[in-house]
Protein backbone atom coordinates (compact mmCIF):
# COMPACT_ATOMS: atom_id res chain seq x y z
CA MET A 1 -13.17 19.85 25.04
CA VAL A 2 -9.31 19.63 24.30
CA GLY A 3 -8.84 22.05 21.24
CA VAL A 4 -5.61 21.40 19.37
CA LEU A 5 -6.15 22.17 15.80
CA VAL A 6 -5.80 25.77 16.28
CA VAL A 7 -1.94 25.01 16.46
CA MET A 8 -1.99 22.11 14.06
CA GLN A 9 -2.75 22.87 10.54
CA PRO A 10 -4.37 19.87 8.52
CA GLY A 11 -1.52 19.90 6.01
CA ALA A 12 0.67 18.69 8.94
CA ILE A 13 -1.49 15.86 9.52
CA ARG A 14 -0.29 12.61 7.90
CA SER A 15 -1.54 9.95 10.39
CA VAL A 16 -4.70 9.84 12.49
CA LEU A 17 -5.99 7.35 15.26
CA VAL A 18 -9.57 7.58 15.87
CA VAL A 19 -10.50 5.87 19.27
CA ARG A 20 -14.07 4.63 20.16
CA LEU A 21 -14.04 1.45 22.15
CA SER A 22 -17.62 0.76 22.45
CA ALA A 23 -20.38 0.28 21.87
CA ILE A 24 -22.43 -0.61 18.69
CA GLY A 25 -24.54 2.55 18.41
CA ASP A 26 -21.81 5.01 19.61
CA ILE A 27 -19.41 3.60 17.08
CA VAL A 28 -21.97 3.87 14.24
CA LEU A 29 -22.39 7.48 15.07
CA THR A 30 -18.74 8.02 14.71
CA THR A 31 -18.95 7.00 10.89
CA PRO A 32 -19.77 10.57 9.92
CA VAL A 33 -16.68 11.77 11.44
CA LEU A 34 -14.67 9.26 9.50
CA THR A 35 -16.22 10.52 6.31
CA GLU A 36 -15.37 14.11 7.04
CA LEU A 37 -12.13 13.32 8.12
CA ARG A 38 -11.34 11.58 4.82
CA ARG A 39 -12.55 14.54 2.86
CA ALA A 40 -10.41 16.94 4.94
CA LEU A 41 -7.33 14.71 4.81
CA PRO A 42 -7.33 12.80 1.79
CA GLU A 43 -3.59 11.74 1.88
CA ALA A 44 -3.57 10.93 5.82
CA ARG A 45 -3.48 7.41 7.21
CA ILE A 46 -6.65 7.06 9.22
CA ASP A 47 -6.78 3.95 11.70
CA TYR A 48 -9.43 3.17 14.19
CA CYS A 49 -9.02 1.53 17.58
CA THR A 50 -12.01 -0.32 18.95
CA LYS A 51 -12.89 -3.68 20.88
CA ALA A 52 -12.55 -6.78 18.74
CA SER A 53 -16.14 -7.49 18.72
CA PHE A 54 -17.06 -4.24 17.19
CA ALA A 55 -14.33 -4.03 14.36
CA PRO A 56 -16.69 -5.12 11.67
CA LEU A 57 -18.53 -1.88 12.12
CA VAL A 58 -15.65 0.02 10.61
CA SER A 59 -13.17 -2.56 9.11
CA SER A 60 -14.84 -2.08 5.54
CA ASN A 61 -15.11 1.75 5.90
CA PRO A 62 -13.34 3.25 3.04
CA ALA A 63 -11.99 6.18 5.04
CA VAL A 64 -10.02 3.74 7.36
CA LEU A 65 -6.93 2.17 6.42
CA SER A 66 -6.68 -0.40 9.24
CA VAL A 67 -8.62 -1.39 12.40
CA VAL A 68 -6.73 -1.96 15.65
CA THR A 69 -7.69 -2.94 19.15
CA PRO A 70 -6.47 -2.02 22.70
CA GLU A 71 -4.49 -5.29 22.60
CA SER A 72 -3.07 -5.40 19.07
CA ILE A 73 -1.99 -1.54 18.93
CA ALA A 74 1.82 -1.47 18.76
CA PRO A 75 3.28 0.25 21.88
CA GLY A 76 5.06 3.31 20.87
CA ALA A 77 2.93 3.55 17.52
CA LEU A 78 3.14 7.17 16.23
CA TYR A 79 0.34 9.41 15.27
CA ASP A 80 0.26 13.09 14.24
CA LEU A 81 -3.31 13.16 15.83
CA VAL A 82 -5.41 11.14 18.08
CA VAL A 83 -9.24 11.73 18.10
CA ASP A 84 -10.38 10.53 21.37
CA LEU A 85 -14.11 9.86 20.84
CA GLN A 86 -14.40 7.56 24.12
CA ASN A 87 -12.66 9.94 26.59
CA ASN A 88 -12.51 7.79 29.55
CA ARG A 89 -9.87 6.01 31.66
CA ARG A 90 -9.54 3.24 29.26
CA SER A 91 -9.06 5.40 26.16
CA ARG A 92 -6.84 7.58 27.88
CA ALA A 93 -4.61 4.88 29.32
CA LEU A 94 -4.20 3.42 25.82
CA ILE A 95 -3.12 6.73 24.48
CA ARG A 96 -0.54 7.00 26.80
CA LYS A 97 1.22 3.88 25.67
CA ILE A 98 1.63 5.49 21.92
CA ARG A 99 3.45 8.36 20.69
CA VAL A 100 1.07 11.28 19.66
CA GLY A 101 1.64 14.63 18.11
CA LYS A 102 -1.60 16.14 19.51
CA VAL A 103 -4.80 14.63 21.17
CA THR A 104 -8.17 16.21 20.98
CA ARG A 105 -11.24 14.61 22.87
CA TYR A 106 -14.95 14.37 22.64
CA HIS A 107 -16.38 16.33 25.36
CA LYS A 108 -19.23 14.47 27.15
CA ARG A 109 -21.05 17.01 29.07
CA ASN A 110 -21.83 14.59 31.70
CA TRP A 111 -22.52 17.22 34.15
CA LYS A 112 -25.60 18.18 32.27
CA LYS A 113 -26.71 14.58 32.11
CA LEU A 114 -26.15 14.37 35.96
CA LEU A 115 -28.33 17.39 36.50
CA LEU A 116 -31.09 16.23 34.19
CA VAL A 117 -31.16 12.61 35.71
CA ARG A 118 -30.86 13.69 39.48
CA PHE A 119 -32.30 17.15 39.66
CA ARG A 120 -34.43 17.38 36.48
CA ILE A 121 -32.66 20.52 35.56
CA ASN A 122 -32.47 20.77 31.72
CA LEU A 123 -29.71 23.13 30.32
CA SER A 124 -29.88 21.77 26.97
CA ASP A 125 -30.26 24.64 24.31
CA GLY A 126 -32.06 22.80 21.68
CA TYR A 127 -31.32 19.32 20.40
CA GLN A 128 -27.73 18.60 19.53
CA SER A 129 -26.76 15.21 18.35
CA VAL A 130 -23.81 13.32 19.79
CA VAL A 131 -22.47 13.32 16.29
CA GLU A 132 -22.31 17.01 16.31
CA ARG A 133 -20.50 16.82 19.59
CA TYR A 134 -18.07 14.31 18.11
CA GLY A 135 -17.62 17.03 15.43
CA GLU A 136 -16.50 19.53 18.06
CA ALA A 137 -13.36 17.61 18.71
CA LEU A 138 -12.32 18.41 15.02
CA GLU A 139 -12.84 22.08 15.07
CA GLY A 140 -10.39 23.78 12.73
CA ILE A 141 -10.00 20.56 10.50
CA VAL A 142 -13.49 19.85 9.85
CA PRO A 143 -16.07 22.62 9.44
CA GLU A 144 -19.24 20.77 10.30
CA ILE A 145 -20.40 17.25 10.32
CA SER A 146 -22.99 16.89 7.59
CA SER A 147 -22.49 13.28 6.31
CA PRO A 148 -24.73 10.43 7.24
CA CYS A 149 -23.70 7.46 9.05
CA THR A 150 -22.18 4.64 6.90
CA LEU A 151 -21.93 0.67 7.08
CA HIS A 152 -20.58 -1.62 4.32
CA PRO A 153 -21.87 -5.03 4.61
CA SER A 154 -19.87 -7.56 2.60
CA PRO A 155 -21.32 -9.26 -0.50
CA ASP A 156 -21.37 -12.40 1.71
CA ASP A 157 -23.36 -10.56 4.46
CA ARG A 158 -25.68 -9.31 1.67
CA ALA A 159 -26.08 -12.83 0.32
CA PHE A 160 -26.93 -14.05 3.72
CA ALA A 161 -29.71 -11.65 4.08
CA ALA A 162 -31.10 -12.39 0.55
CA ARG A 163 -31.18 -16.00 1.40
CA GLU A 164 -32.82 -15.59 4.58
CA LEU A 165 -35.52 -12.87 3.42
CA GLY A 166 -36.14 -13.96 -0.07
CA THR A 167 -38.34 -11.69 -2.27
CA GLU A 168 -41.74 -12.30 -0.66
CA ALA A 169 -43.84 -9.81 1.15
CA PRO A 170 -41.97 -6.83 2.65
CA VAL A 171 -40.34 -7.14 6.21
CA LEU A 172 -40.82 -5.35 9.49
CA ALA A 173 -37.73 -5.81 11.44
CA VAL A 174 -38.18 -5.72 15.23
CA CYS A 175 -35.16 -5.01 17.28
CA PHE A 176 -36.65 -5.78 20.59
CA GLY A 177 -33.69 -6.11 22.88
CA ALA A 178 -31.35 -3.59 24.66
CA ASN A 179 -28.68 -3.81 27.24
CA HIS A 180 -30.85 -2.35 30.09
CA TYR A 181 -34.31 -3.16 31.23
CA THR A 182 -35.55 0.26 31.19
CA LYS A 183 -34.74 0.57 27.47
CA ARG A 184 -36.77 -2.52 26.62
CA TYR A 185 -40.41 -2.40 25.61
CA PRO A 186 -42.16 -5.47 27.26
CA PRO A 187 -42.39 -8.51 25.17
CA GLU A 188 -46.02 -8.79 25.49
CA ARG A 189 -46.61 -5.49 24.01
CA PHE A 190 -44.43 -5.96 21.16
CA ALA A 191 -46.59 -9.17 20.48
CA ARG A 192 -49.48 -7.05 20.47
CA ILE A 193 -48.11 -4.76 17.84
CA ILE A 194 -46.94 -7.66 15.85
CA GLY A 195 -50.36 -9.21 15.96
CA GLN A 196 -52.23 -6.20 14.86
CA VAL A 197 -49.69 -5.39 12.23
CA THR A 198 -49.97 -8.86 10.64
CA ALA A 199 -53.62 -8.96 10.71
CA ALA A 200 -53.85 -5.69 8.86
CA THR A 201 -51.12 -5.78 6.36
CA PRO A 202 -49.02 -8.38 4.32
CA LEU A 203 -45.91 -7.53 6.35
CA ARG A 204 -43.55 -10.39 7.47
CA VAL A 205 -41.89 -9.84 10.78
CA LEU A 206 -38.11 -10.50 11.48
CA LEU A 207 -36.97 -10.34 15.17
CA LEU A 208 -33.22 -9.28 15.30
CA GLY A 209 -30.94 -9.31 18.31
CA GLY A 210 -27.86 -10.85 19.70
CA LYS A 211 -27.01 -13.99 21.64
CA GLU A 212 -28.29 -12.28 24.73
CA ASP A 213 -31.65 -11.74 23.35
CA GLU A 214 -32.54 -15.28 22.34
CA GLN A 215 -34.41 -16.06 25.70
CA GLN A 216 -36.40 -12.79 25.08
CA ALA A 217 -37.07 -13.80 21.56
CA ALA A 218 -38.53 -17.05 22.68
CA LYS A 219 -40.88 -15.38 25.33
CA LEU A 220 -42.06 -12.88 22.57
CA LEU A 221 -42.91 -15.72 19.97
CA ALA A 222 -44.74 -17.68 22.66
CA LEU A 223 -46.80 -14.64 23.45
CA LEU A 224 -47.78 -14.04 19.74
CA PRO A 225 -51.44 -14.67 18.87
CA GLU A 226 -51.73 -17.98 16.58
CA SER A 227 -52.65 -16.10 13.62
CA ALA A 228 -49.35 -14.07 13.55
CA ARG A 229 -46.90 -16.90 14.23
CA GLY A 230 -46.54 -18.12 10.67
CA ARG A 231 -45.47 -14.63 9.60
CA VAL A 232 -42.68 -14.09 12.32
CA ARG A 233 -39.45 -15.39 12.51
CA SER A 234 -36.35 -14.79 14.93
CA LEU A 235 -32.69 -14.62 13.86
CA ALA A 236 -31.74 -13.13 17.17
CA GLY A 237 -28.33 -14.82 18.20
CA GLN A 238 -28.24 -16.30 14.52
CA ALA A 239 -26.92 -13.47 12.57
CA SER A 240 -23.55 -11.60 12.90
CA LEU A 241 -23.36 -7.93 13.55
CA MET A 242 -22.81 -7.15 9.76
CA GLN A 243 -25.34 -9.89 8.72
CA SER A 244 -27.65 -8.34 10.89
CA ALA A 245 -26.97 -4.85 9.19
CA ALA A 246 -27.50 -6.50 5.73
CA LEU A 247 -31.08 -7.74 7.10
CA LEU A 248 -31.92 -4.41 8.25
CA GLU A 249 -31.00 -3.07 4.72
CA ARG A 250 -33.40 -5.34 3.09
CA SER A 251 -36.30 -4.45 5.53
CA ALA A 252 -38.93 -2.28 4.67
CA LEU A 253 -39.68 -0.88 8.15
CA VAL A 254 -37.91 -1.17 11.56
CA LEU A 255 -39.51 -1.09 14.89
CA THR A 256 -36.97 -0.54 17.63
CA ASN A 257 -35.87 0.05 21.23
CA ASP A 258 -33.10 2.58 22.05
CA THR A 259 -30.26 0.09 21.06
CA GLY A 260 -27.33 -0.46 18.75
CA LEU A 261 -29.42 -1.84 16.10
CA MET A 262 -31.40 1.07 15.93
CA HIS A 263 -28.38 3.27 14.79
CA ILE A 264 -27.54 0.37 12.31
CA ALA A 265 -30.94 0.65 10.72
CA SER A 266 -30.69 4.37 10.45
CA VAL A 267 -27.87 4.03 7.89
CA PHE A 268 -30.07 2.32 5.38
CA GLY A 269 -32.85 5.02 5.08
CA ARG A 270 -35.56 2.83 6.51
CA LYS A 271 -38.53 4.33 8.30
CA LEU A 272 -37.89 3.75 11.97
CA PHE A 273 -40.41 3.52 14.75
CA VAL A 274 -38.44 4.25 17.94
CA ILE A 275 -39.62 3.51 21.60
CA PHE A 276 -37.93 5.37 24.33
CA GLY A 277 -38.32 4.53 27.89
CA SER A 278 -35.92 5.83 30.27
CA SER A 279 -34.07 7.39 27.50
CA VAL A 280 -34.66 10.91 26.44
CA ARG A 281 -33.60 13.08 23.37
CA GLU A 282 -31.67 15.33 25.42
CA PHE A 283 -28.77 12.98 25.67
CA GLY A 284 -28.14 13.32 21.88
CA PHE A 285 -28.72 9.70 20.72
CA MET A 286 -31.70 10.21 18.39
CA PRO A 287 -31.18 8.59 14.75
CA TRP A 288 -28.92 10.61 12.89
CA LYS A 289 -30.29 11.84 9.60
CA SER A 290 -32.98 9.36 9.45
CA ASP A 291 -36.81 9.33 9.20
CA TYR A 292 -38.27 8.22 12.41
CA GLU A 293 -41.37 8.37 14.54
CA LEU A 294 -40.67 8.66 18.25
CA PHE A 295 -42.88 6.92 20.85
CA GLU A 296 -42.29 8.16 24.62
CA THR A 297 -44.16 8.96 27.77
CA GLU A 298 -43.70 12.67 28.20
CA GLY A 299 -44.32 14.50 31.60
CA LEU A 300 -43.07 11.88 33.86
CA ARG A 301 -41.24 13.42 36.84
CA CYS A 302 -39.25 10.33 37.29
CA ARG A 303 -37.83 10.36 33.64
CA PRO A 304 -35.15 10.04 32.76
CA CYS A 305 -34.02 7.82 35.68
CA SER A 306 -30.51 7.14 34.23
CA HIS A 307 -28.31 8.28 31.26
CA ILE A 308 -27.51 4.70 30.17
CA GLY A 309 -30.48 2.78 31.62
CA ARG A 310 -31.34 0.47 34.63
CA SER A 311 -31.84 -3.11 35.44
CA THR A 312 -35.05 -2.24 37.34
CA CYS A 313 -37.53 0.60 37.30
CA PRO A 314 -36.65 2.38 40.50
CA GLU A 315 -40.39 3.71 40.92
CA GLY A 316 -41.68 0.21 40.37
CA HIS A 317 -44.22 1.03 38.01
CA PHE A 318 -42.24 1.40 34.74
CA ARG A 319 -44.77 3.87 33.24
CA CYS A 320 -42.21 5.29 30.83
CA MET A 321 -42.75 2.16 28.88
CA THR A 322 -46.13 0.71 29.88
CA ASP A 323 -47.87 4.12 29.24
CA ILE A 324 -47.00 3.78 25.58
CA PRO A 325 -50.00 2.06 23.92
CA PRO A 326 -49.08 -0.72 21.61
CA GLU A 327 -52.02 -0.05 19.40
CA ARG A 328 -50.71 3.48 18.67
CA ILE A 329 -47.63 2.14 17.57
CA ALA A 330 -49.23 -0.68 15.17
CA ALA A 331 -51.43 1.98 13.62
CA GLU A 332 -48.60 4.32 12.87
CA ILE A 333 -46.71 1.23 11.17
CA VAL A 334 -50.00 0.27 9.18
CA GLU A 335 -50.64 3.80 8.21
CA THR A 336 -46.85 4.24 6.94
CA LEU A 337 -47.07 0.97 4.90
CA ASN A 338 -50.33 1.81 3.31
CA GLN A 339 -48.89 5.28 2.28
CA SER A 340 -45.91 3.89 0.71
């Protein structure tokens, strides 16, 4: 970690640029940092740099004055402090184009991930969230990161969600997608969960995802038992990022893979049922300050096979997902609803 704040007092910081270029979950997990920065630097200008497609996640955050993209940031722009929470070649190249008093960076500890993935050597000393590791980049300015994640859907986003969901039976949101195959619970297993949950409860089911998930949504819908189909609706690819956030805000429960929508759902205090395949908690990406139930296959020597996910199972059996019984997940959802 690049520590700079021992030589730069908070009172001297009048302008800050926070850099996190991607992706959805990683950006949501930076929002506690924004809250704490604003608390520590109430008079400072705080800007945020990210890709244009992710800008809605932070553009309405009250801690942020403006959102810029790598393409729109003015060459030679001046900031007293840059907080680089991406810390890769892209973010470093961007920072070289502007004028900066000091730079501090998130330390990724990729060598620990490499040891865990390649050699099954686990050097983690208890669980540490990536949010806390982001906070280490602000040592000397922010004592600790204790705020929850925050998102701010607009009135229009919330009106969209209200129209789509109405006020009928409570909703189970299912975030069935993920960028990588080894993070996706198989659609036929999601269909079995949905069939069992709808048979035992009055829950309606909403499928959520992006344009890239539409084909998977159609496959899942086709696999549903006939008795469940009238209670399941897909808005995958039909809702914007912040409309999806507003839909999750109105849902009663959320069933999710390890995906960006999981972190969006964690913002709104809903009970999460989280399925981890190739992911493991040691990477630090569990939901932050949220109530969740984790489903995973422990004890597999091939897990984790990657710190980001893979396009296929390298062992060919995909036991990290297929050994998780859908009946167990469905039972937990039903029990949680019955206790609420």
